[in-house]
Protein backbone atom coordinates (compact mmCIF):
# COMPACT_ATOMS: atom_id res chain seq x y z
CA UNK A 1 92.76 107.02 95.64
CA UNK A 2 95.02 105.24 93.20
CA UNK A 3 95.80 108.52 91.40
CA UNK A 4 96.74 110.27 94.66
CA UNK A 5 98.84 107.40 95.98
CA UNK A 6 100.58 106.34 92.77
CA UNK A 7 101.17 109.36 90.50
CA UNK A 8 104.88 109.91 90.02
CA UNK A 9 106.92 112.67 88.41
CA UNK A 10 110.64 112.03 88.08
CA UNK A 11 110.37 108.99 90.37
CA UNK A 12 108.70 111.01 93.12
CA UNK A 13 105.18 110.34 94.41
CA UNK A 14 103.89 113.87 93.90
CA UNK A 15 100.53 113.79 95.69
CA UNK A 16 101.45 111.28 98.35
CA UNK A 17 104.36 113.48 99.43
CA UNK A 18 102.39 116.72 99.11
CA UNK A 19 99.60 115.34 101.28
CA UNK A 20 102.03 114.12 103.93
CA UNK A 21 103.96 117.38 104.01
CA UNK A 22 100.84 119.54 104.13
CA UNK A 23 99.18 117.44 106.85
CA UNK A 24 102.27 117.55 109.04
CA UNK A 25 102.10 121.36 108.88
CA UNK A 26 98.36 121.47 109.61
CA UNK A 27 97.47 122.45 106.05
CA UNK A 28 94.66 120.28 104.76
CA UNK A 29 94.62 120.70 101.00
CA UNK A 30 96.03 119.03 97.93
CA UNK A 31 96.87 120.88 94.73
CA UNK A 32 96.34 118.64 91.68
CA UNK A 33 97.82 119.35 88.26
CA UNK A 34 95.17 118.56 85.65
CA UNK A 35 97.89 117.44 83.23
CA UNK A 36 98.81 114.68 85.67
CA UNK A 37 95.17 113.67 85.91
CA UNK A 38 94.87 113.74 82.13
CA UNK A 39 97.89 111.46 81.77
CA UNK A 40 96.43 109.13 84.40
CA UNK A 41 92.88 108.88 83.00
CA UNK A 42 91.74 111.06 80.10
CA UNK A 43 88.01 110.11 80.37
CA UNK A 44 88.11 111.02 84.06
CA UNK A 45 89.27 114.54 83.17
CA UNK A 46 86.36 114.91 80.75
CA UNK A 47 83.90 113.71 83.39
CA UNK A 48 85.52 116.00 85.97
CA UNK A 49 85.16 119.03 83.69
CA UNK A 50 81.53 118.16 82.89
CA UNK A 51 80.52 117.68 86.53
CA UNK A 52 83.18 119.28 88.77
CA UNK A 53 81.11 119.43 91.97
CA UNK A 54 80.56 115.68 92.04
CA UNK A 55 84.17 114.84 91.26
CA UNK A 56 85.59 117.34 93.74
CA UNK A 57 83.58 115.52 96.44
CA UNK A 58 85.01 112.18 95.30
CA UNK A 59 88.56 113.56 95.41
CA UNK A 60 88.00 115.12 98.84
CA UNK A 61 86.72 111.83 100.22
CA UNK A 62 89.69 109.96 98.74
CA UNK A 63 92.17 112.44 100.21
CA UNK A 64 90.49 112.26 103.63
CA UNK A 65 90.61 108.45 103.57
CA UNK A 66 94.28 108.39 102.58
CA UNK A 67 95.09 110.94 105.27
CA UNK A 68 93.33 108.94 107.99
CA UNK A 69 94.80 105.60 106.89
CA UNK A 70 98.32 106.62 105.90
CA UNK A 71 99.34 109.84 107.62
CA UNK A 72 97.29 110.68 110.69
CA UNK A 73 99.40 110.30 113.80
CA UNK A 74 97.32 110.46 116.96
CA UNK A 75 100.42 111.18 119.03
CA UNK A 76 100.99 114.41 117.05
CA UNK A 77 98.74 116.96 118.76
CA UNK A 78 99.04 119.32 115.76
CA UNK A 79 97.34 116.87 113.41
CA UNK A 80 93.57 116.83 113.18
CA UNK A 81 91.85 113.42 113.37
CA UNK A 82 89.31 114.21 110.63
CA UNK A 83 90.05 117.45 108.76
CA UNK A 84 88.07 118.57 105.74
CA UNK A 85 90.08 118.91 102.55
């Protein structure tokens, strides 16, 4: 969750903004640049590459939690309360 919320490129929160923008348009996905992940936590990248299915689940759960806590707006009928990423 920290990676998604705090990764910045040129003083812009890349994944936080991407998630917000996508969710507002009803698109429930997040495209992650592995170079950003590598800069954030090199051992995590190695673990991710060795066991991608487990780590994809962890990332999906983190994105879903951030979406529900930070971006879901129940007054916006176009937004899903619990989408799968």
